[in-house]
């Protein structure tokens, strides 16, 4: 029997930053600049508009939502009462768009900088992993990452894992008590790292292009494969232990664990990133399936 899916939302432009929080699903419709809240049945409401486009989502300990504002490289803070303010400004640290985020239990927001003008067709170059400390102070946490993308933190709060999309790997760091990152290491390398070149050529050479991430209770990381139209589960020692093909052979860019018992895996699918960036609308969907191990850590 094949994997069973249920559809929560259709008609989006390009869903990103899918998350489960306090009994609801959340997602950014990135190229519409809309942050959505969805109940388990898929009833949605637009809770925030971001003029500079939006991507990663996370929550501070006081339950304020953080939203990545991509083009102007800011992190916005939506308080529980709905008031929106600036939490951090990365514009002096990143020349190009910022993307996904993960907020850890200490209230640090880890944010990936794409590192190059991807929507303008520029060739990929390494970028930085940025951090906003709990007080909003912005800093560079790590450099020389090939399009740092999805980010997760293990349940003990000590290990950060980031997807390097154009290198085809997951890279891990130890989070020290002061928030610095040490002991950089490869968690998983999926095939050979492609030679630098054009974005299409590098993506085409990848065995697996890790995009959005989510982490389960056993510290296994589910990885959205932007090249292979699938989501794979990777063990702490870097092995692929499970694989779920995207429904209908769709492109798959983001994933999240959640639901009532934590075992629902939500997948963000769409016609394509470059197509969405160029104005193709209405092809994005959110679909869910069930897995065995529930959510854990910080996603």
Protein backbone atom coordinates (compact mmCIF):
# COMPACT_ATOMS: atom_id res chain seq x y z
CA UNK A 1 0.00 0.00 0.00
CA UNK A 2 1.31 3.45 -0.90
CA UNK A 3 1.64 6.41 1.44
CA UNK A 4 -1.68 8.06 2.24
CA UNK A 5 -1.90 11.85 2.15
CA UNK A 6 -4.53 14.38 3.06
CA UNK A 7 -4.58 17.90 1.70
CA UNK A 8 -4.78 20.84 4.09
CA UNK A 9 -4.37 23.75 1.68
CA UNK A 10 -4.17 24.41 -2.05
CA UNK A 11 -3.80 27.46 -4.27
CA UNK A 12 -0.75 28.96 -2.58
CA UNK A 13 2.09 30.57 -4.49
CA UNK A 14 5.02 29.00 -2.60
CA UNK A 15 4.67 27.67 0.94
CA UNK A 16 7.66 27.89 3.28
CA UNK A 17 8.42 27.76 7.00
CA UNK A 18 5.73 25.21 7.87
CA UNK A 19 5.41 24.73 11.62
CA UNK A 20 3.13 23.23 14.30
CA UNK A 21 2.59 25.38 17.38
CA UNK A 22 0.01 25.28 20.19
CA UNK A 23 -2.50 23.16 18.33
CA UNK A 24 -2.30 24.85 14.91
CA UNK A 25 -0.30 24.61 11.72
CA UNK A 26 1.45 27.71 10.39
CA UNK A 27 3.01 28.47 7.04
CA UNK A 28 4.42 31.37 5.05
CA UNK A 29 3.12 31.82 1.53
CA UNK A 30 6.49 33.31 0.71
CA UNK A 31 5.92 35.05 -2.61
CA UNK A 32 2.53 36.42 -1.52
CA UNK A 33 4.04 37.74 1.70
CA UNK A 34 1.32 36.12 3.82
CA UNK A 35 1.64 34.21 7.09
CA UNK A 36 -1.18 31.69 7.55
CA UNK A 37 -2.61 29.82 10.51
CA UNK A 38 -4.44 26.56 9.77
CA UNK A 39 -6.43 24.26 11.99
CA UNK A 40 -6.15 20.50 11.68
CA UNK A 41 -8.91 20.43 9.05
CA UNK A 42 -7.16 23.02 6.91
CA UNK A 43 -9.34 26.01 7.72
CA UNK A 44 -6.95 28.91 7.32
CA UNK A 45 -6.67 32.55 8.22
CA UNK A 46 -4.10 35.14 7.17
CA UNK A 47 -2.60 36.53 10.36
CA UNK A 48 0.17 38.73 8.98
CA UNK A 49 1.26 40.43 5.75
CA UNK A 50 4.96 40.97 4.99
CA UNK A 51 5.70 43.40 2.16
CA UNK A 52 9.26 42.14 1.70
CA UNK A 53 8.15 38.48 1.40
CA UNK A 54 8.29 35.96 4.23
CA UNK A 55 9.78 32.58 5.00
CA UNK A 56 10.91 31.01 8.28
CA UNK A 57 8.74 31.09 11.40
CA UNK A 58 9.46 30.45 15.08
CA UNK A 59 8.33 31.37 18.60
CA UNK A 60 10.06 33.06 21.50
CA UNK A 61 9.53 31.83 25.07
CA UNK A 62 6.88 34.55 25.60
CA UNK A 63 4.93 33.06 22.63
CA UNK A 64 5.72 35.94 20.29
CA UNK A 65 6.05 34.74 16.69
CA UNK A 66 9.20 35.56 14.74
CA UNK A 67 8.85 35.91 10.98
CA UNK A 68 11.69 36.19 8.47
CA UNK A 69 11.23 39.21 6.20
CA UNK A 70 13.30 38.04 3.27
CA UNK A 71 14.15 40.94 0.97
CA UNK A 72 14.88 43.59 3.61
CA UNK A 73 16.72 41.03 5.80
CA UNK A 74 14.81 41.68 8.99
CA UNK A 75 13.27 39.46 11.64
CA UNK A 76 9.79 40.64 12.61
CA UNK A 77 8.14 39.93 15.95
CA UNK A 78 4.39 39.41 16.21
CA UNK A 79 3.30 39.64 19.86
CA UNK A 80 0.47 37.45 21.15
CA UNK A 81 -1.84 40.48 20.90
CA UNK A 82 -0.99 40.86 17.19
CA UNK A 83 1.33 43.89 17.42
CA UNK A 84 4.20 43.63 14.92
CA UNK A 85 7.64 45.14 15.61
CA UNK A 86 11.19 44.59 14.43
CA UNK A 87 13.07 42.01 16.47
CA UNK A 88 16.39 42.03 14.60
CA UNK A 89 17.99 43.68 11.57
CA UNK A 90 20.40 41.58 9.48
CA UNK A 91 20.67 44.02 6.58
CA UNK A 92 24.18 45.08 7.65
CA UNK A 93 25.31 41.45 7.79
CA UNK A 94 23.71 40.02 4.66
CA UNK A 95 23.66 41.62 1.22
CA UNK A 96 21.17 39.07 -0.13
CA UNK A 97 17.85 37.57 0.95
CA UNK A 98 17.54 35.65 4.19
CA UNK A 99 15.39 32.55 4.38
CA UNK A 100 14.57 29.95 7.02
CA UNK A 101 14.84 30.14 10.80
CA UNK A 102 14.72 28.06 13.96
CA UNK A 103 14.18 29.51 17.42
CA UNK A 104 15.79 27.42 20.16
CA UNK A 105 14.66 27.00 23.74
CA UNK A 106 16.89 29.86 24.90
CA UNK A 107 15.16 32.28 22.52
CA UNK A 108 18.00 32.49 19.99
CA UNK A 109 16.78 32.74 16.39
CA UNK A 110 19.08 31.04 13.89
CA UNK A 111 18.59 32.36 10.36
CA UNK A 112 20.05 31.27 7.03
CA UNK A 113 21.32 33.84 4.51
CA UNK A 114 21.02 32.62 0.94
CA UNK A 115 24.37 34.23 0.15
CA UNK A 116 23.74 35.23 -3.49
CA UNK A 117 21.04 36.76 -5.69
CA UNK A 118 19.23 33.51 -6.36
CA UNK A 119 16.10 35.02 -7.95
CA UNK A 120 18.26 37.04 -10.36
CA UNK A 121 20.01 33.93 -11.64
CA UNK A 122 23.37 34.56 -9.98
CA UNK A 123 25.78 31.67 -9.51
CA UNK A 124 25.74 30.21 -5.98
CA UNK A 125 28.42 31.27 -3.52
CA UNK A 126 28.68 30.41 0.19
CA UNK A 127 26.61 32.34 2.72
CA UNK A 128 26.35 32.80 6.47
CA UNK A 129 24.29 31.37 9.26
CA UNK A 130 23.05 34.35 11.26
CA UNK A 131 21.77 34.58 14.81
CA UNK A 132 19.50 36.98 16.66
CA UNK A 133 20.09 36.71 20.39
CA UNK A 134 17.04 36.94 22.69
CA UNK A 135 17.46 40.72 22.96
CA UNK A 136 17.51 41.06 19.14
CA UNK A 137 21.26 41.56 18.77
CA UNK A 138 22.23 40.32 15.30
CA UNK A 139 25.47 38.51 14.56
CA UNK A 140 27.10 36.04 12.17
CA UNK A 141 27.18 32.62 13.79
CA UNK A 142 28.95 30.61 11.07
CA UNK A 143 30.24 31.25 7.56
CA UNK A 144 31.13 29.41 4.34
CA UNK A 145 27.86 27.49 4.06
CA UNK A 146 26.42 26.67 0.62
CA UNK A 147 22.96 28.24 0.92
CA UNK A 148 22.16 27.54 4.58
CA UNK A 149 18.52 26.56 4.52
CA UNK A 150 16.42 24.47 6.94
CA UNK A 151 17.60 24.52 10.58
CA UNK A 152 16.73 22.35 13.60
CA UNK A 153 18.05 22.02 17.15
CA UNK A 154 18.11 18.75 19.08
CA UNK A 155 15.92 18.21 22.15
CA UNK A 156 18.79 18.85 24.58
CA UNK A 157 19.43 22.22 22.97
CA UNK A 158 23.09 21.41 22.35
CA UNK A 159 23.26 20.53 18.65
CA UNK A 160 22.22 22.64 15.67
CA UNK A 161 21.76 21.06 12.25
CA UNK A 162 21.58 23.15 9.08
CA UNK A 163 20.94 22.12 5.48
CA UNK A 164 23.53 23.24 2.96
CA UNK A 165 21.34 22.96 -0.11
CA UNK A 166 23.93 23.49 -2.85
CA UNK A 167 26.49 21.22 -1.16
CA UNK A 168 24.08 18.31 -0.70
CA UNK A 169 24.77 17.93 3.00
CA UNK A 170 23.62 18.46 6.56
CA UNK A 171 26.13 20.25 8.77
CA UNK A 172 26.04 20.10 12.58
CA UNK A 173 27.44 22.41 15.26
CA UNK A 174 27.62 22.28 19.04
CA UNK A 175 25.80 25.20 20.70
CA UNK A 176 27.87 26.48 23.61
CA UNK A 177 26.32 28.07 26.69
CA UNK A 178 27.12 31.55 25.39
CA UNK A 179 25.38 30.83 22.06
CA UNK A 180 28.54 30.40 20.01
CA UNK A 181 28.83 27.48 17.58
CA UNK A 182 31.74 25.07 17.77
CA UNK A 183 32.78 21.60 16.55
CA UNK A 184 31.56 22.04 12.98
CA UNK A 185 31.05 18.64 11.39
CA UNK A 186 29.25 16.89 8.55
CA UNK A 187 26.18 15.02 9.79
CA UNK A 188 25.28 13.63 6.37
CA UNK A 189 26.77 14.02 2.90
CA UNK A 190 24.40 12.98 0.12
CA UNK A 191 26.63 11.99 -2.78
CA UNK A 192 29.41 14.18 -4.08
CA UNK A 193 29.46 17.93 -3.57
CA UNK A 194 29.02 19.52 -7.02
CA UNK A 195 31.61 21.76 -8.57
CA UNK A 196 30.75 25.48 -8.28
CA UNK A 197 28.77 26.75 -11.25
CA UNK A 198 25.28 27.87 -12.15
CA UNK A 199 22.38 27.15 -9.80
CA UNK A 200 20.58 24.83 -12.22
CA UNK A 201 23.76 22.91 -12.97
CA UNK A 202 24.66 22.51 -9.29
CA UNK A 203 21.14 21.40 -8.36
CA UNK A 204 21.10 18.96 -11.26
CA UNK A 205 24.34 17.38 -10.06
CA UNK A 206 23.05 16.76 -6.54
CA UNK A 207 21.98 13.33 -5.33
CA UNK A 208 19.83 15.09 -2.71
CA UNK A 209 19.23 18.82 -2.23
CA UNK A 210 18.36 19.34 1.46
CA UNK A 211 15.87 22.17 1.95
CA UNK A 212 13.43 22.46 4.88
CA UNK A 213 14.05 20.31 7.97
CA UNK A 214 12.11 19.00 10.96
CA UNK A 215 13.34 16.84 13.84
CA UNK A 216 11.66 14.02 15.73
CA UNK A 217 11.84 12.76 19.31
CA UNK A 218 14.71 10.40 18.44
CA UNK A 219 16.79 13.27 16.98
CA UNK A 220 16.28 11.93 13.46
CA UNK A 221 15.93 14.75 10.93
CA UNK A 222 13.30 14.73 8.21
CA UNK A 223 14.74 16.45 5.13
CA UNK A 224 12.76 17.92 2.24
CA UNK A 225 14.69 17.01 -0.91
CA UNK A 226 14.27 19.88 -3.38
CA UNK A 227 15.92 17.85 -6.14
CA UNK A 228 14.41 14.42 -5.58
CA UNK A 229 10.73 15.24 -4.89
CA UNK A 230 10.78 13.33 -1.62
CA UNK A 231 11.25 13.66 2.12
CA UNK A 232 13.86 11.48 3.82
CA UNK A 233 14.53 10.69 7.47
CA UNK A 234 18.20 10.88 8.48
CA UNK A 235 19.61 9.28 11.64
CA UNK A 236 22.07 11.01 14.00
CA UNK A 237 24.87 9.04 12.32
CA UNK A 238 23.89 10.29 8.85
CA UNK A 239 22.00 7.31 7.44
CA UNK A 240 18.74 7.61 5.48
CA UNK A 241 16.31 5.36 7.33
CA UNK A 242 12.98 6.26 5.69
CA UNK A 243 11.76 7.91 2.50
CA UNK A 244 8.40 9.36 1.47
CA UNK A 245 7.83 10.34 -2.16
CA UNK A 246 5.92 13.57 -2.73
CA UNK A 247 2.36 12.95 -3.92
CA UNK A 248 1.95 13.07 -7.68
CA UNK A 249 5.66 13.60 -8.21
CA UNK A 250 5.43 17.20 -7.00
CA UNK A 251 8.40 19.31 -5.99
CA UNK A 252 8.84 19.35 -2.22
CA UNK A 253 10.53 22.18 -0.33
CA UNK A 254 9.59 22.24 3.36
CA UNK A 255 8.34 19.87 6.06
CA UNK A 256 7.20 19.90 9.68
CA UNK A 257 6.15 17.40 12.32
CA UNK A 258 3.11 18.09 14.49
CA UNK A 259 -0.57 17.32 14.78
CA UNK A 260 -2.53 16.12 17.79
CA UNK A 261 -0.04 13.38 18.72
CA UNK A 262 3.01 14.83 16.96
CA UNK A 263 3.20 12.14 14.28
CA UNK A 264 1.75 14.09 11.35
CA UNK A 265 4.33 15.12 8.74
CA UNK A 266 3.27 18.20 6.80
CA UNK A 267 4.85 18.70 3.38
CA UNK A 268 4.97 21.90 1.32
CA UNK A 269 4.84 21.15 -2.40
CA UNK A 270 4.73 23.43 -5.44
CA UNK A 271 5.39 23.57 -9.17
CA UNK A 272 8.89 24.93 -8.54
CA UNK A 273 10.90 27.61 -6.72
CA UNK A 274 12.15 29.44 -9.79
CA UNK A 275 8.70 29.27 -11.38
CA UNK A 276 7.14 30.79 -8.25
CA UNK A 277 9.81 33.48 -8.12
CA UNK A 278 9.00 34.38 -11.71
CA UNK A 279 5.30 34.77 -10.98
CA UNK A 280 3.69 31.35 -11.43
CA UNK A 281 0.87 31.38 -8.88
CA UNK A 282 -1.57 28.96 -7.32
CA UNK A 283 0.42 25.71 -7.60
CA UNK A 284 1.48 25.31 -3.96
CA UNK A 285 -0.20 22.89 -1.57
CA UNK A 286 0.20 21.62 1.98
CA UNK A 287 -0.28 17.86 2.33
CA UNK A 288 0.09 15.64 5.38
CA UNK A 289 0.88 12.01 6.09
CA UNK A 290 1.53 10.02 9.27
CA UNK A 291 4.90 8.75 10.52
CA UNK A 292 5.88 6.61 13.49
CA UNK A 293 8.02 8.90 15.68
CA UNK A 294 6.55 12.19 16.97
CA UNK A 295 8.05 15.65 16.87
CA UNK A 296 10.89 16.58 19.21
CA UNK A 297 13.51 19.29 19.70
CA UNK A 298 13.22 22.75 18.14
CA UNK A 299 11.99 22.91 14.54
